[in-house]
């Protein structure tokens, strides 16, 4: 489990996509982020929510 806030580069690495894609998904409202001035950081729980909503990650205790 990842703790703390992640930048787009770290999220991109976790998901196997370019950080620009993470920013695009954020602009489109697919991934929630926290803005600190010009910086955007992402909570691990927001990434989990995105993955579950997109059907990439299953809920704990559910079978396929």
PDB file of N, CA and C in Angstrom:
ATOM      1  N   UNK A   1       0.843  -1.187   0.000  1.00  0.00           N
ATOM      2  CA  UNK A   1       0.000   0.000   0.000  1.00  0.00           C
ATOM      3  C   UNK A   1       0.880   1.239   0.000  1.00  0.00           C
ATOM      4  N   UNK A   2       0.490   2.209  -0.782  1.00  0.00           N
ATOM      5  CA  UNK A   2       1.223   3.469  -0.885  1.00  0.00           C
ATOM      6  C   UNK A   2       0.586   4.476   0.058  1.00  0.00           C
ATOM      7  N   UNK A   3       1.420   5.196   0.795  1.00  0.00           N
ATOM      8  CA  UNK A   3       0.912   6.206   1.730  1.00  0.00           C
ATOM      9  C   UNK A   3       1.347   7.592   1.262  1.00  0.00           C
ATOM     10  N   UNK A   4       0.591   8.601   1.651  1.00  0.00           N
ATOM     11  CA  UNK A   4       0.939   9.965   1.291  1.00  0.00           C
ATOM     12  C   UNK A   4       0.392  10.346  -0.072  1.00  0.00           C
ATOM     13  N   UNK A   5       0.715  11.552  -0.499  1.00  0.00           N
ATOM     14  CA  UNK A   5       0.246  12.054  -1.782  1.00  0.00           C
ATOM     15  C   UNK A   5       1.257  11.737  -2.878  1.00  0.00           C
ATOM     16  N   UNK A   6       0.753  11.453  -4.062  1.00  0.00           N
ATOM     17  CA  UNK A   6       1.597  11.083  -5.197  1.00  0.00           C
ATOM     18  C   UNK A   6       1.538  12.164  -6.271  1.00  0.00           C
ATOM     19  N   UNK A   7       2.648  12.365  -6.961  1.00  0.00           N
ATOM     20  CA  UNK A   7       2.624  13.282  -8.100  1.00  0.00           C
ATOM     21  C   UNK A   7       2.237  12.496  -9.353  1.00  0.00           C
ATOM     22  N   UNK A   8       2.027  13.200 -10.452  1.00  0.00           N
ATOM     23  CA  UNK A   8       1.580  12.559 -11.690  1.00  0.00           C
ATOM     24  C   UNK A   8       2.613  11.559 -12.212  1.00  0.00           C
ATOM     25  N   UNK A   9       3.874  11.847 -11.994  1.00  0.00           N
ATOM     26  CA  UNK A   9       4.918  10.930 -12.444  1.00  0.00           C
ATOM     27  C   UNK A   9       4.814   9.590 -11.715  1.00  0.00           C
ATOM     28  N   UNK A  10       4.602   9.628 -10.409  1.00  0.00           N
ATOM     29  CA  UNK A  10       4.478   8.394  -9.629  1.00  0.00           C
ATOM     30  C   UNK A  10       3.215   7.627  -9.997  1.00  0.00           C
ATOM     31  N   UNK A  11       2.108   8.340 -10.182  1.00  0.00           N
ATOM     32  CA  UNK A  11       0.852   7.690 -10.570  1.00  0.00           C
ATOM     33  C   UNK A  11       0.993   7.073 -11.956  1.00  0.00           C
ATOM     34  N   UNK A  12       1.616   7.807 -12.869  1.00  0.00           N
ATOM     35  CA  UNK A  12       1.843   7.283 -14.208  1.00  0.00           C
ATOM     36  C   UNK A  12       2.675   6.014 -14.197  1.00  0.00           C
ATOM     37  N   UNK A  13       3.687   6.001 -13.352  1.00  0.00           N
ATOM     38  CA  UNK A  13       4.532   4.813 -13.232  1.00  0.00           C
ATOM     39  C   UNK A  13       3.729   3.631 -12.693  1.00  0.00           C
ATOM     40  N   UNK A  14       2.891   3.882 -11.696  1.00  0.00           N
ATOM     41  CA  UNK A  14       2.053   2.817 -11.130  1.00  0.00           C
ATOM     42  C   UNK A  14       1.083   2.246 -12.160  1.00  0.00           C
ATOM     43  N   UNK A  15       0.520   3.126 -12.996  1.00  0.00           N
ATOM     44  CA  UNK A  15      -0.503   2.704 -13.953  1.00  0.00           C
ATOM     45  C   UNK A  15       0.059   2.370 -15.329  1.00  0.00           C
ATOM     46  N   UNK A  16       1.339   2.649 -15.532  1.00  0.00           N
ATOM     47  CA  UNK A  16       1.960   2.350 -16.811  1.00  0.00           C
ATOM     48  C   UNK A  16       1.565   3.297 -17.930  1.00  0.00           C
ATOM     49  N   UNK A  17       1.310   4.561 -17.567  1.00  0.00           N
ATOM     50  CA  UNK A  17       0.957   5.575 -18.554  1.00  0.00           C
ATOM     51  C   UNK A  17       1.833   6.809 -18.351  1.00  0.00           C
ATOM     52  N   UNK A  18       1.844   7.673 -19.338  1.00  0.00           N
ATOM     53  CA  UNK A  18       2.592   8.914 -19.288  1.00  0.00           C
ATOM     54  C   UNK A  18       1.959   9.861 -18.262  1.00  0.00           C
ATOM     55  N   UNK A  19       2.765  10.626 -17.519  1.00  0.00           N
ATOM     56  CA  UNK A  19       2.195  11.600 -16.583  1.00  0.00           C
ATOM     57  C   UNK A  19       1.217  12.576 -17.238  1.00  0.00           C
ATOM     58  N   UNK A  20       1.421  12.894 -18.513  1.00  0.00           N
ATOM     59  CA  UNK A  20       0.473  13.785 -19.210  1.00  0.00           C
ATOM     60  C   UNK A  20      -0.922  13.166 -19.255  1.00  0.00           C
ATOM     61  N   UNK A  21      -0.978  11.846 -19.370  1.00  0.00           N
ATOM     62  CA  UNK A  21      -2.266  11.156 -19.368  1.00  0.00           C
ATOM     63  C   UNK A  21      -2.952  11.328 -18.016  1.00  0.00           C
ATOM     64  N   UNK A  22      -2.171  11.283 -16.944  1.00  0.00           N
ATOM     65  CA  UNK A  22      -2.726  11.473 -15.594  1.00  0.00           C
ATOM     66  C   UNK A  22      -3.314  12.869 -15.481  1.00  0.00           C
ATOM     67  N   UNK A  23      -2.598  13.886 -15.967  1.00  0.00           N
ATOM     68  CA  UNK A  23      -3.123  15.254 -15.934  1.00  0.00           C
ATOM     69  C   UNK A  23      -4.387  15.380 -16.790  1.00  0.00           C
ATOM     70  N   UNK A  24      -4.408  14.728 -17.925  1.00  0.00           N
ATOM     71  CA  UNK A  24      -5.586  14.749 -18.803  1.00  0.00           C
ATOM     72  C   UNK A  24      -6.781  14.126 -18.087  1.00  0.00           C
ATOM     73  N   UNK A  25      -6.571  12.961 -17.482  1.00  0.00           N
ATOM     74  CA  UNK A  25      -7.657  12.301 -16.750  1.00  0.00           C
ATOM     75  C   UNK A  25      -8.141  13.176 -15.600  1.00  0.00           C
ATOM     76  N   UNK A  26      -7.220  13.901 -14.966  1.00  0.00           N
ATOM     77  CA  UNK A  26      -7.602  14.812 -13.884  1.00  0.00           C
ATOM     78  C   UNK A  26      -8.464  15.950 -14.427  1.00  0.00           C
ATOM     79  N   UNK A  27      -8.051  16.549 -15.541  1.00  0.00           N
ATOM     80  CA  UNK A  27      -8.845  17.631 -16.160  1.00  0.00           C
ATOM     81  C   UNK A  27     -10.236  17.142 -16.553  1.00  0.00           C
ATOM     82  N   UNK A  28     -10.314  15.896 -17.009  1.00  0.00           N
ATOM     83  CA  UNK A  28     -11.598  15.323 -17.424  1.00  0.00           C
ATOM     84  C   UNK A  28     -12.443  14.852 -16.245  1.00  0.00           C
ATOM     85  N   UNK A  29     -11.894  14.924 -15.034  1.00  0.00           N
ATOM     86  CA  UNK A  29     -12.639  14.531 -13.843  1.00  0.00           C
ATOM     87  C   UNK A  29     -12.613  13.042 -13.547  1.00  0.00           C
ATOM     88  N   UNK A  30     -11.744  12.297 -14.214  1.00  0.00           N
ATOM     89  CA  UNK A  30     -11.678  10.859 -13.978  1.00  0.00           C
ATOM     90  C   UNK A  30     -10.908  10.502 -12.714  1.00  0.00           C
ATOM     91  N   UNK A  31      -9.892  11.299 -12.393  1.00  0.00           N
ATOM     92  CA  UNK A  31      -9.096  11.089 -11.180  1.00  0.00           C
ATOM     93  C   UNK A  31      -9.109  12.386 -10.381  1.00  0.00           C
ATOM     94  N   UNK A  32      -9.509  12.281  -9.124  1.00  0.00           N
ATOM     95  CA  UNK A  32      -9.512  13.468  -8.266  1.00  0.00           C
ATOM     96  C   UNK A  32      -8.110  13.737  -7.757  1.00  0.00           C
ATOM     97  N   UNK A  33      -7.767  15.000  -7.696  1.00  0.00           N
ATOM     98  CA  UNK A  33      -6.460  15.405  -7.196  1.00  0.00           C
ATOM     99  C   UNK A  33      -6.589  16.591  -6.257  1.00  0.00           C
ATOM    100  N   UNK A  34      -5.508  16.859  -5.556  1.00  0.00           N
ATOM    101  CA  UNK A  34      -5.456  17.983  -4.621  1.00  0.00           C
ATOM    102  C   UNK A  34      -4.464  18.995  -5.194  1.00  0.00           C
ATOM    103  N   UNK A  35      -4.911  20.229  -5.345  1.00  0.00           N
ATOM    104  CA  UNK A  35      -4.050  21.257  -5.921  1.00  0.00           C
ATOM    105  C   UNK A  35      -3.393  22.071  -4.803  1.00  0.00           C
ATOM    106  N   UNK A  36      -2.073  22.213  -4.924  1.00  0.00           N
ATOM    107  CA  UNK A  36      -1.286  23.074  -4.044  1.00  0.00           C
ATOM    108  C   UNK A  36      -0.623  24.101  -4.948  1.00  0.00           C
ATOM    109  N   UNK A  37      -1.214  25.279  -5.045  1.00  0.00           N
ATOM    110  CA  UNK A  37      -0.737  26.312  -5.955  1.00  0.00           C
ATOM    111  C   UNK A  37      -0.755  25.751  -7.373  1.00  0.00           C
ATOM    112  N   UNK A  38       0.392  25.540  -7.993  1.00  0.00           N
ATOM    113  CA  UNK A  38       0.436  25.002  -9.355  1.00  0.00           C
ATOM    114  C   UNK A  38       0.616  23.487  -9.383  1.00  0.00           C
ATOM    115  N   UNK A  39       0.828  22.881  -8.235  1.00  0.00           N
ATOM    116  CA  UNK A  39       1.082  21.441  -8.160  1.00  0.00           C
ATOM    117  C   UNK A  39      -0.208  20.675  -7.935  1.00  0.00           C
ATOM    118  N   UNK A  40      -0.305  19.502  -8.531  1.00  0.00           N
ATOM    119  CA  UNK A  40      -1.446  18.619  -8.296  1.00  0.00           C
ATOM    120  C   UNK A  40      -0.897  17.318  -7.733  1.00  0.00           C
ATOM    121  N   UNK A  41      -1.472  16.877  -6.638  1.00  0.00           N
ATOM    122  CA  UNK A  41      -1.074  15.618  -6.014  1.00  0.00           C
ATOM    123  C   UNK A  41      -2.308  14.728  -5.905  1.00  0.00           C
ATOM    124  N   UNK A  42      -2.070  13.445  -5.866  1.00  0.00           N
ATOM    125  CA  UNK A  42      -3.151  12.471  -5.890  1.00  0.00           C
ATOM    126  C   UNK A  42      -3.076  11.556  -4.676  1.00  0.00           C
ATOM    127  N   UNK A  43      -4.222  11.355  -4.040  1.00  0.00           N
ATOM    128  CA  UNK A  43      -4.300  10.425  -2.921  1.00  0.00           C
ATOM    129  C   UNK A  43      -4.363   9.006  -3.472  1.00  0.00           C
ATOM    130  N   UNK A  44      -3.679   8.068  -2.832  1.00  0.00           N
ATOM    131  CA  UNK A  44      -3.777   6.674  -3.276  1.00  0.00           C
ATOM    132  C   UNK A  44      -5.220   6.181  -3.330  1.00  0.00           C
ATOM    133  N   UNK A  45      -6.059   6.654  -2.416  1.00  0.00           N
ATOM    134  CA  UNK A  45      -7.466   6.229  -2.412  1.00  0.00           C
ATOM    135  C   UNK A  45      -8.188   6.726  -3.674  1.00  0.00           C
ATOM    136  N   UNK A  46      -7.788   7.883  -4.207  1.00  0.00           N
ATOM    137  CA  UNK A  46      -8.398   8.392  -5.442  1.00  0.00           C
ATOM    138  C   UNK A  46      -8.005   7.512  -6.627  1.00  0.00           C
ATOM    139  N   UNK A  47      -6.781   7.007  -6.603  1.00  0.00           N
ATOM    140  CA  UNK A  47      -6.325   6.107  -7.662  1.00  0.00           C
ATOM    141  C   UNK A  47      -7.085   4.789  -7.573  1.00  0.00           C
ATOM    142  N   UNK A  48      -7.250   4.263  -6.356  1.00  0.00           N
ATOM    143  CA  UNK A  48      -8.033   3.029  -6.158  1.00  0.00           C
ATOM    144  C   UNK A  48      -9.463   3.207  -6.659  1.00  0.00           C
ATOM    145  N   UNK A  49     -10.076   4.337  -6.335  1.00  0.00           N
ATOM    146  CA  UNK A  49     -11.436   4.618  -6.779  1.00  0.00           C
ATOM    147  C   UNK A  49     -11.520   4.633  -8.298  1.00  0.00           C
ATOM    148  N   UNK A  50     -10.566   5.287  -8.936  1.00  0.00           N
ATOM    149  CA  UNK A  50     -10.518   5.335 -10.396  1.00  0.00           C
ATOM    150  C   UNK A  50     -10.416   3.924 -10.975  1.00  0.00           C
ATOM    151  N   UNK A  51      -9.516   3.124 -10.444  1.00  0.00           N
ATOM    152  CA  UNK A  51      -9.307   1.770 -10.961  1.00  0.00           C
ATOM    153  C   UNK A  51     -10.544   0.896 -10.771  1.00  0.00           C
ATOM    154  N   UNK A  52     -11.203   1.022  -9.632  1.00  0.00           N
ATOM    155  CA  UNK A  52     -12.424   0.243  -9.375  1.00  0.00           C
ATOM    156  C   UNK A  52     -13.548   0.684 -10.302  1.00  0.00           C
ATOM    157  N   UNK A  53     -13.706   1.983 -10.486  1.00  0.00           N
ATOM    158  CA  UNK A  53     -14.760   2.509 -11.342  1.00  0.00           C
ATOM    159  C   UNK A  53     -14.556   2.086 -12.797  1.00  0.00           C
ATOM    160  N   UNK A  54     -13.314   2.023 -13.223  1.00  0.00           N
ATOM    161  CA  UNK A  54     -13.005   1.633 -14.592  1.00  0.00           C
ATOM    162  C   UNK A  54     -12.982   0.115 -14.771  1.00  0.00           C
ATOM    163  N   UNK A  55     -13.197  -0.630 -13.680  1.00  0.00           N
ATOM    164  CA  UNK A  55     -13.229  -2.089 -13.765  1.00  0.00           C
ATOM    165  C   UNK A  55     -11.857  -2.726 -13.849  1.00  0.00           C
ATOM    166  N   UNK A  56     -10.831  -1.981 -13.487  1.00  0.00           N
ATOM    167  CA  UNK A  56      -9.466  -2.497 -13.548  1.00  0.00           C
ATOM    168  C   UNK A  56      -9.101  -3.193 -12.237  1.00  0.00           C
ATOM    169  N   UNK A  57      -9.650  -2.734 -11.144  1.00  0.00           N
ATOM    170  CA  UNK A  57      -9.375  -3.283  -9.831  1.00  0.00           C
ATOM    171  C   UNK A  57     -10.684  -3.733  -9.211  1.00  0.00           C
ATOM    172  N   UNK A  58     -10.703  -4.965  -8.716  1.00  0.00           N
ATOM    173  CA  UNK A  58     -11.912  -5.477  -8.075  1.00  0.00           C
ATOM    174  C   UNK A  58     -11.955  -5.073  -6.604  1.00  0.00           C
ATOM    175  N   UNK A  59     -13.152  -4.987  -6.068  1.00  0.00           N
ATOM    176  CA  UNK A  59     -13.338  -4.747  -4.644  1.00  0.00           C
ATOM    177  C   UNK A  59     -12.813  -5.968  -3.889  1.00  0.00           C
ATOM    178  N   UNK A  60     -12.331  -5.762  -2.674  1.00  0.00           N
ATOM    179  CA  UNK A  60     -11.892  -6.881  -1.855  1.00  0.00           C
ATOM    180  C   UNK A  60     -13.066  -7.816  -1.577  1.00  0.00           C
ATOM    181  N   UNK A  61     -12.787  -9.104  -1.694  1.00  0.00           N
ATOM    182  CA  UNK A  61     -13.799 -10.084  -1.359  1.00  0.00           C
ATOM    183  C   UNK A  61     -14.808 -10.371  -2.452  1.00  0.00           C
ATOM    184  N   UNK A  62     -14.606  -9.816  -3.651  1.00  0.00           N
ATOM    185  CA  UNK A  62     -15.538 -10.112  -4.738  1.00  0.00           C
ATOM    186  C   UNK A  62     -14.873 -11.035  -5.730  1.00  0.00           C
ATOM    187  N   UNK A  63     -15.637 -11.927  -6.274  1.00  0.00           N
ATOM    188  CA  UNK A  63     -15.126 -12.861  -7.282  1.00  0.00           C
ATOM    189  C   UNK A  63     -15.415 -12.314  -8.672  1.00  0.00           C
ATOM    190  N   UNK A  64     -14.647 -12.781  -9.635  1.00  0.00           N
ATOM    191  CA  UNK A  64     -14.877 -12.359 -11.020  1.00  0.00           C
ATOM    192  C   UNK A  64     -16.096 -13.028 -11.587  1.00  0.00           C
TER     193      UNK A  64
END
